[in-house]
Amino acid sequence: MKRIIHNPTQRIYPATPDYVHALEINGPQRIVYLSGTMGLDASGTAGSDLTEQLELVWSNIRAILASAGMTVANIVRVTSYLRDAAFATENQNARVAALQGNIVPTTAIVVQTLSADWLIELEIIAAA
């Protein structure tokens, strides 16, 4: 599978170092779509704060990817659903750390979650 980054510089605002405008995936054999994944522990309880939920959500994502024989290196798209716009920077920092240099297209959206305890939900696409 070949990854081709598309970050045009003419007639468009620049991408920041933590994401790309577009990522072309050429020749994937498999694509895995993760449902919205939350910062819940194994019993389904939300982490007590944003930091704990971000740790849990990325742990959950790694577990789901591992069940498909993939890692965070296979992630090609991240959509973050944040309960509050104030969570954007911490979410970005957690994403950058979790992806370990894998820079992908990403979007963050502020939403009302189904439960007030859920502060973050991530939707992931991975390819191999």
N, C-alpha and C. Protein backbone atom coordinates (compact mmCIF):
# COMPACT_ATOMS: atom_id res chain seq x y z
N MET A 1 0.85 -1.17 0.00
CA MET A 1 0.00 0.00 0.00
C MET A 1 0.90 1.24 0.00
N LYS A 2 0.58 2.15 -0.87
CA LYS A 2 1.36 3.38 -0.98
C LYS A 2 0.54 4.54 -0.43
N ARG A 3 1.18 5.39 0.37
CA ARG A 3 0.54 6.60 0.91
C ARG A 3 1.10 7.82 0.19
N ILE A 4 0.22 8.64 -0.33
CA ILE A 4 0.65 9.86 -1.02
C ILE A 4 -0.04 11.04 -0.34
N ILE A 5 0.75 11.93 0.22
CA ILE A 5 0.21 13.12 0.89
C ILE A 5 -0.07 14.20 -0.15
N HIS A 6 -1.22 14.82 -0.03
CA HIS A 6 -1.58 15.95 -0.89
C HIS A 6 -1.80 17.17 0.01
N ASN A 7 -0.83 18.06 -0.01
CA ASN A 7 -0.87 19.29 0.76
C ASN A 7 -0.60 20.46 -0.17
N PRO A 8 -1.58 20.84 -0.99
CA PRO A 8 -1.33 21.95 -1.91
C PRO A 8 -1.03 23.24 -1.14
N THR A 9 -0.25 24.10 -1.77
CA THR A 9 0.11 25.37 -1.13
C THR A 9 -0.45 26.58 -1.86
N GLN A 10 -1.03 26.36 -3.02
CA GLN A 10 -1.61 27.46 -3.79
C GLN A 10 -3.11 27.51 -3.59
N ARG A 11 -3.65 28.70 -3.35
CA ARG A 11 -5.08 28.97 -3.25
C ARG A 11 -5.78 28.20 -2.12
N ILE A 12 -5.02 27.83 -1.08
CA ILE A 12 -5.60 27.15 0.08
C ILE A 12 -4.76 27.48 1.30
N TYR A 13 -5.40 27.49 2.44
CA TYR A 13 -4.68 27.74 3.70
C TYR A 13 -3.72 26.57 3.96
N PRO A 14 -2.62 26.83 4.65
CA PRO A 14 -1.65 25.77 4.88
C PRO A 14 -2.12 24.80 5.96
N ALA A 15 -1.77 23.54 5.79
CA ALA A 15 -2.00 22.55 6.84
C ALA A 15 -0.97 22.78 7.93
N THR A 16 -1.35 22.52 9.17
CA THR A 16 -0.39 22.62 10.27
C THR A 16 0.38 21.31 10.35
N PRO A 17 1.46 21.26 11.12
CA PRO A 17 2.30 20.05 11.15
C PRO A 17 1.61 18.78 11.67
N ASP A 18 0.44 18.91 12.31
CA ASP A 18 -0.19 17.74 12.92
C ASP A 18 -1.24 17.08 12.03
N TYR A 19 -1.47 17.57 10.83
CA TYR A 19 -2.41 16.92 9.91
C TYR A 19 -2.06 17.25 8.48
N VAL A 20 -2.67 16.52 7.54
CA VAL A 20 -2.51 16.80 6.12
C VAL A 20 -3.88 17.08 5.52
N HIS A 21 -3.90 17.85 4.43
CA HIS A 21 -5.19 18.12 3.78
C HIS A 21 -5.80 16.84 3.21
N ALA A 22 -4.97 16.01 2.60
CA ALA A 22 -5.50 14.78 2.00
C ALA A 22 -4.41 13.71 1.99
N LEU A 23 -4.86 12.48 2.08
CA LEU A 23 -3.96 11.34 2.03
C LEU A 23 -4.53 10.33 1.05
N GLU A 24 -3.80 10.09 -0.02
CA GLU A 24 -4.21 9.10 -1.01
C GLU A 24 -3.64 7.74 -0.60
N ILE A 25 -4.49 6.75 -0.58
CA ILE A 25 -4.06 5.39 -0.28
C ILE A 25 -4.17 4.60 -1.58
N ASN A 26 -3.04 4.17 -2.08
CA ASN A 26 -2.99 3.49 -3.35
C ASN A 26 -2.72 2.00 -3.12
N GLY A 27 -3.67 1.17 -3.50
CA GLY A 27 -3.49 -0.27 -3.43
C GLY A 27 -3.69 -0.89 -2.06
N PRO A 28 -4.64 -0.43 -1.25
CA PRO A 28 -4.84 -1.12 0.04
C PRO A 28 -5.48 -2.48 -0.19
N GLN A 29 -5.09 -3.43 0.60
CA GLN A 29 -5.69 -4.76 0.55
C GLN A 29 -6.90 -4.84 1.48
N ARG A 30 -6.85 -4.03 2.57
CA ARG A 30 -7.90 -4.07 3.58
C ARG A 30 -8.16 -2.66 4.10
N ILE A 31 -9.41 -2.35 4.38
CA ILE A 31 -9.80 -1.10 5.01
C ILE A 31 -10.69 -1.46 6.20
N VAL A 32 -10.39 -0.87 7.35
CA VAL A 32 -11.16 -1.12 8.56
C VAL A 32 -11.74 0.21 9.03
N TYR A 33 -13.05 0.23 9.25
CA TYR A 33 -13.75 1.41 9.74
C TYR A 33 -14.13 1.16 11.19
N LEU A 34 -13.61 1.99 12.09
CA LEU A 34 -13.96 1.86 13.50
C LEU A 34 -15.18 2.72 13.80
N SER A 35 -16.10 2.16 14.54
CA SER A 35 -17.24 2.94 15.03
C SER A 35 -16.72 4.05 15.92
N GLY A 36 -17.58 5.00 16.23
CA GLY A 36 -17.19 5.99 17.22
C GLY A 36 -16.74 5.28 18.48
N THR A 37 -15.52 5.54 18.91
CA THR A 37 -14.93 4.86 20.06
C THR A 37 -14.76 5.88 21.16
N MET A 38 -15.15 5.50 22.38
CA MET A 38 -15.16 6.45 23.48
C MET A 38 -14.12 6.11 24.53
N GLY A 39 -13.94 7.03 25.45
CA GLY A 39 -13.00 6.86 26.56
C GLY A 39 -13.64 6.13 27.71
N LEU A 40 -14.04 4.88 27.46
CA LEU A 40 -14.68 4.05 28.47
C LEU A 40 -13.75 2.90 28.84
N ASP A 41 -13.80 2.49 30.11
CA ASP A 41 -13.00 1.33 30.51
C ASP A 41 -13.73 0.04 30.14
N ALA A 42 -13.13 -1.10 30.49
CA ALA A 42 -13.69 -2.40 30.09
C ALA A 42 -15.08 -2.64 30.65
N SER A 43 -15.45 -1.95 31.74
CA SER A 43 -16.79 -2.12 32.30
C SER A 43 -17.79 -1.15 31.69
N GLY A 44 -17.31 -0.27 30.80
CA GLY A 44 -18.19 0.70 30.15
C GLY A 44 -18.32 2.01 30.91
N THR A 45 -17.45 2.22 31.89
CA THR A 45 -17.48 3.44 32.68
C THR A 45 -16.55 4.48 32.05
N ALA A 46 -17.06 5.71 31.92
CA ALA A 46 -16.25 6.79 31.34
C ALA A 46 -15.13 7.19 32.28
N GLY A 47 -13.98 7.54 31.68
CA GLY A 47 -12.89 8.08 32.48
C GLY A 47 -13.36 9.31 33.23
N SER A 48 -12.70 9.63 34.32
CA SER A 48 -13.17 10.69 35.21
C SER A 48 -12.97 12.10 34.66
N ASP A 49 -12.05 12.25 33.72
CA ASP A 49 -11.81 13.57 33.12
C ASP A 49 -11.32 13.38 31.69
N LEU A 50 -11.08 14.49 31.01
CA LEU A 50 -10.68 14.41 29.60
C LEU A 50 -9.38 13.65 29.42
N THR A 51 -8.40 13.90 30.26
CA THR A 51 -7.10 13.22 30.13
C THR A 51 -7.27 11.71 30.21
N GLU A 52 -8.04 11.24 31.19
CA GLU A 52 -8.25 9.80 31.34
C GLU A 52 -9.05 9.24 30.17
N GLN A 53 -10.03 9.98 29.69
CA GLN A 53 -10.82 9.51 28.54
C GLN A 53 -9.97 9.43 27.29
N LEU A 54 -9.07 10.38 27.10
CA LEU A 54 -8.19 10.32 25.93
C LEU A 54 -7.25 9.12 26.02
N GLU A 55 -6.75 8.82 27.21
CA GLU A 55 -5.91 7.62 27.38
C GLU A 55 -6.71 6.37 27.06
N LEU A 56 -7.93 6.30 27.58
CA LEU A 56 -8.78 5.14 27.35
C LEU A 56 -9.18 4.99 25.89
N VAL A 57 -9.56 6.11 25.24
CA VAL A 57 -10.01 6.00 23.85
C VAL A 57 -8.89 5.49 22.96
N TRP A 58 -7.67 5.97 23.17
CA TRP A 58 -6.57 5.50 22.33
C TRP A 58 -6.19 4.06 22.68
N SER A 59 -6.32 3.67 23.93
CA SER A 59 -6.10 2.27 24.30
C SER A 59 -7.15 1.39 23.64
N ASN A 60 -8.40 1.83 23.64
CA ASN A 60 -9.48 1.08 22.99
C ASN A 60 -9.24 0.96 21.49
N ILE A 61 -8.81 2.05 20.87
CA ILE A 61 -8.52 2.04 19.43
C ILE A 61 -7.40 1.06 19.12
N ARG A 62 -6.32 1.08 19.93
CA ARG A 62 -5.22 0.13 19.70
C ARG A 62 -5.72 -1.31 19.83
N ALA A 63 -6.61 -1.58 20.79
CA ALA A 63 -7.15 -2.94 20.97
C ALA A 63 -7.99 -3.36 19.77
N ILE A 64 -8.82 -2.46 19.28
CA ILE A 64 -9.66 -2.78 18.11
C ILE A 64 -8.78 -3.03 16.89
N LEU A 65 -7.80 -2.16 16.68
CA LEU A 65 -6.90 -2.34 15.54
C LEU A 65 -6.13 -3.65 15.65
N ALA A 66 -5.65 -3.96 16.85
CA ALA A 66 -4.89 -5.21 17.05
C ALA A 66 -5.76 -6.42 16.70
N SER A 67 -7.06 -6.34 17.00
CA SER A 67 -7.94 -7.47 16.67
C SER A 67 -8.05 -7.67 15.17
N ALA A 68 -7.72 -6.62 14.40
CA ALA A 68 -7.73 -6.70 12.93
C ALA A 68 -6.32 -6.87 12.38
N GLY A 69 -5.34 -7.09 13.27
CA GLY A 69 -3.96 -7.24 12.83
C GLY A 69 -3.33 -5.94 12.38
N MET A 70 -3.78 -4.82 12.95
CA MET A 70 -3.28 -3.50 12.58
C MET A 70 -2.79 -2.75 13.81
N THR A 71 -2.12 -1.63 13.57
CA THR A 71 -1.64 -0.73 14.62
C THR A 71 -2.03 0.70 14.25
N VAL A 72 -1.66 1.65 15.08
CA VAL A 72 -1.94 3.06 14.78
C VAL A 72 -1.24 3.50 13.50
N ALA A 73 -0.20 2.79 13.08
CA ALA A 73 0.48 3.12 11.83
C ALA A 73 -0.44 2.91 10.63
N ASN A 74 -1.51 2.12 10.78
CA ASN A 74 -2.45 1.86 9.70
C ASN A 74 -3.56 2.90 9.61
N ILE A 75 -3.65 3.79 10.60
CA ILE A 75 -4.70 4.79 10.60
C ILE A 75 -4.49 5.77 9.43
N VAL A 76 -5.57 6.03 8.68
CA VAL A 76 -5.50 6.96 7.56
C VAL A 76 -6.46 8.13 7.70
N ARG A 77 -7.30 8.13 8.75
CA ARG A 77 -8.27 9.21 8.95
C ARG A 77 -8.76 9.20 10.39
N VAL A 78 -8.85 10.39 11.00
CA VAL A 78 -9.37 10.54 12.36
C VAL A 78 -10.41 11.66 12.38
N THR A 79 -11.58 11.35 12.92
CA THR A 79 -12.59 12.37 13.19
C THR A 79 -12.84 12.37 14.69
N SER A 80 -12.68 13.54 15.31
CA SER A 80 -12.88 13.69 16.75
C SER A 80 -14.19 14.41 17.00
N TYR A 81 -14.97 13.86 17.91
CA TYR A 81 -16.20 14.50 18.35
C TYR A 81 -15.96 14.94 19.80
N LEU A 82 -15.94 16.25 20.01
CA LEU A 82 -15.62 16.81 21.32
C LEU A 82 -16.86 17.42 21.95
N ARG A 83 -17.05 17.20 23.22
CA ARG A 83 -18.20 17.78 23.92
C ARG A 83 -18.02 19.28 24.10
N ASP A 84 -16.77 19.77 24.08
CA ASP A 84 -16.49 21.18 24.33
C ASP A 84 -15.30 21.60 23.46
N ALA A 85 -15.39 22.77 22.85
CA ALA A 85 -14.29 23.27 22.01
C ALA A 85 -13.01 23.44 22.82
N ALA A 86 -13.13 23.63 24.11
CA ALA A 86 -11.95 23.78 24.97
C ALA A 86 -11.10 22.50 25.02
N PHE A 87 -11.64 21.39 24.54
CA PHE A 87 -10.91 20.12 24.55
C PHE A 87 -9.99 19.97 23.34
N ALA A 88 -10.04 20.91 22.41
CA ALA A 88 -9.33 20.75 21.12
C ALA A 88 -7.83 20.55 21.28
N THR A 89 -7.18 21.36 22.08
CA THR A 89 -5.72 21.27 22.19
C THR A 89 -5.29 19.97 22.84
N GLU A 90 -5.95 19.57 23.93
CA GLU A 90 -5.58 18.32 24.60
C GLU A 90 -5.86 17.13 23.68
N ASN A 91 -6.97 17.18 22.94
CA ASN A 91 -7.27 16.13 21.98
C ASN A 91 -6.19 16.06 20.90
N GLN A 92 -5.81 17.21 20.37
CA GLN A 92 -4.76 17.25 19.34
C GLN A 92 -3.46 16.66 19.88
N ASN A 93 -3.06 17.05 21.08
CA ASN A 93 -1.82 16.55 21.66
C ASN A 93 -1.88 15.03 21.86
N ALA A 94 -3.02 14.53 22.32
CA ALA A 94 -3.17 13.09 22.52
C ALA A 94 -3.11 12.35 21.18
N ARG A 95 -3.75 12.92 20.15
CA ARG A 95 -3.73 12.31 18.82
C ARG A 95 -2.31 12.25 18.27
N VAL A 96 -1.60 13.35 18.35
CA VAL A 96 -0.22 13.40 17.85
C VAL A 96 0.64 12.36 18.56
N ALA A 97 0.51 12.28 19.88
CA ALA A 97 1.29 11.30 20.65
C ALA A 97 0.90 9.88 20.28
N ALA A 98 -0.38 9.62 20.18
CA ALA A 98 -0.86 8.26 19.88
C ALA A 98 -0.46 7.80 18.49
N LEU A 99 -0.47 8.70 17.53
CA LEU A 99 -0.16 8.32 16.15
C LEU A 99 1.33 8.17 15.88
N GLN A 100 2.17 8.59 16.80
CA GLN A 100 3.62 8.33 16.72
C GLN A 100 4.23 8.72 15.38
N GLY A 101 3.89 9.91 14.91
CA GLY A 101 4.46 10.40 13.66
C GLY A 101 3.64 10.10 12.42
N ASN A 102 2.58 9.34 12.54
CA ASN A 102 1.67 9.07 11.43
C ASN A 102 0.73 10.27 11.31
N ILE A 103 0.95 11.11 10.33
CA ILE A 103 0.16 12.33 10.16
C ILE A 103 -0.90 12.07 9.09
N VAL A 104 -2.16 12.28 9.46
CA VAL A 104 -3.30 11.92 8.60
C VAL A 104 -4.29 13.06 8.55
N PRO A 105 -5.24 13.01 7.61
CA PRO A 105 -6.33 13.98 7.62
C PRO A 105 -7.15 13.80 8.90
N THR A 106 -7.55 14.92 9.47
CA THR A 106 -8.31 14.87 10.72
C THR A 106 -9.30 16.02 10.78
N THR A 107 -10.39 15.78 11.47
CA THR A 107 -11.42 16.80 11.69
C THR A 107 -11.86 16.70 13.13
N ALA A 108 -12.10 17.84 13.76
CA ALA A 108 -12.67 17.88 15.11
C ALA A 108 -13.98 18.63 15.04
N ILE A 109 -15.00 18.05 15.66
CA ILE A 109 -16.34 18.62 15.65
C ILE A 109 -16.84 18.71 17.08
N VAL A 110 -17.44 19.82 17.44
CA VAL A 110 -18.03 19.97 18.77
C VAL A 110 -19.48 19.53 18.70
N VAL A 111 -19.84 18.58 19.59
CA VAL A 111 -21.17 17.97 19.56
C VAL A 111 -21.71 17.78 20.97
N GLN A 112 -22.98 17.52 21.04
CA GLN A 112 -23.57 17.05 22.28
C GLN A 112 -23.52 15.53 22.23
N THR A 113 -22.91 14.92 23.22
CA THR A 113 -22.80 13.46 23.23
C THR A 113 -24.06 12.85 23.83
N LEU A 114 -24.23 11.55 23.62
CA LEU A 114 -25.42 10.86 24.11
C LEU A 114 -25.46 10.78 25.64
N SER A 115 -24.29 10.83 26.27
CA SER A 115 -24.21 10.84 27.72
C SER A 115 -23.32 12.01 28.13
N ALA A 116 -23.71 12.73 29.14
CA ALA A 116 -22.92 13.88 29.61
C ALA A 116 -21.54 13.46 30.10
N ASP A 117 -21.38 12.18 30.47
CA ASP A 117 -20.08 11.69 30.94
C ASP A 117 -19.09 11.48 29.79
N TRP A 118 -19.58 11.36 28.57
CA TRP A 118 -18.71 11.10 27.43
C TRP A 118 -18.18 12.43 26.90
N LEU A 119 -16.89 12.65 27.04
CA LEU A 119 -16.28 13.92 26.65
C LEU A 119 -15.68 13.89 25.26
N ILE A 120 -15.37 12.71 24.77
CA ILE A 120 -14.68 12.55 23.49
C ILE A 120 -15.14 11.26 22.83
N GLU A 121 -15.23 11.30 21.52
CA GLU A 121 -15.50 10.09 20.74
C GLU A 121 -14.67 10.22 19.47
N LEU A 122 -13.99 9.16 19.09
CA LEU A 122 -13.14 9.18 17.89
C LEU A 122 -13.64 8.16 16.89
N GLU A 123 -13.66 8.57 15.64
CA GLU A 123 -14.01 7.69 14.53
C GLU A 123 -12.74 7.53 13.69
N ILE A 124 -12.38 6.30 13.38
CA ILE A 124 -11.11 6.01 12.75
C ILE A 124 -11.30 5.19 11.47
N ILE A 125 -10.48 5.47 10.48
CA ILE A 125 -10.37 4.60 9.30
C ILE A 125 -8.91 4.15 9.23
N ALA A 126 -8.73 2.86 9.04
CA ALA A 126 -7.38 2.29 8.93
C ALA A 126 -7.31 1.47 7.65
N ALA A 127 -6.11 1.38 7.09
CA ALA A 127 -5.92 0.62 5.85
C ALA A 127 -4.59 -0.13 5.89
N ALA A 128 -4.57 -1.24 5.22
CA ALA A 128 -3.33 -2.04 5.12
C ALA A 128 -3.23 -2.63 3.73
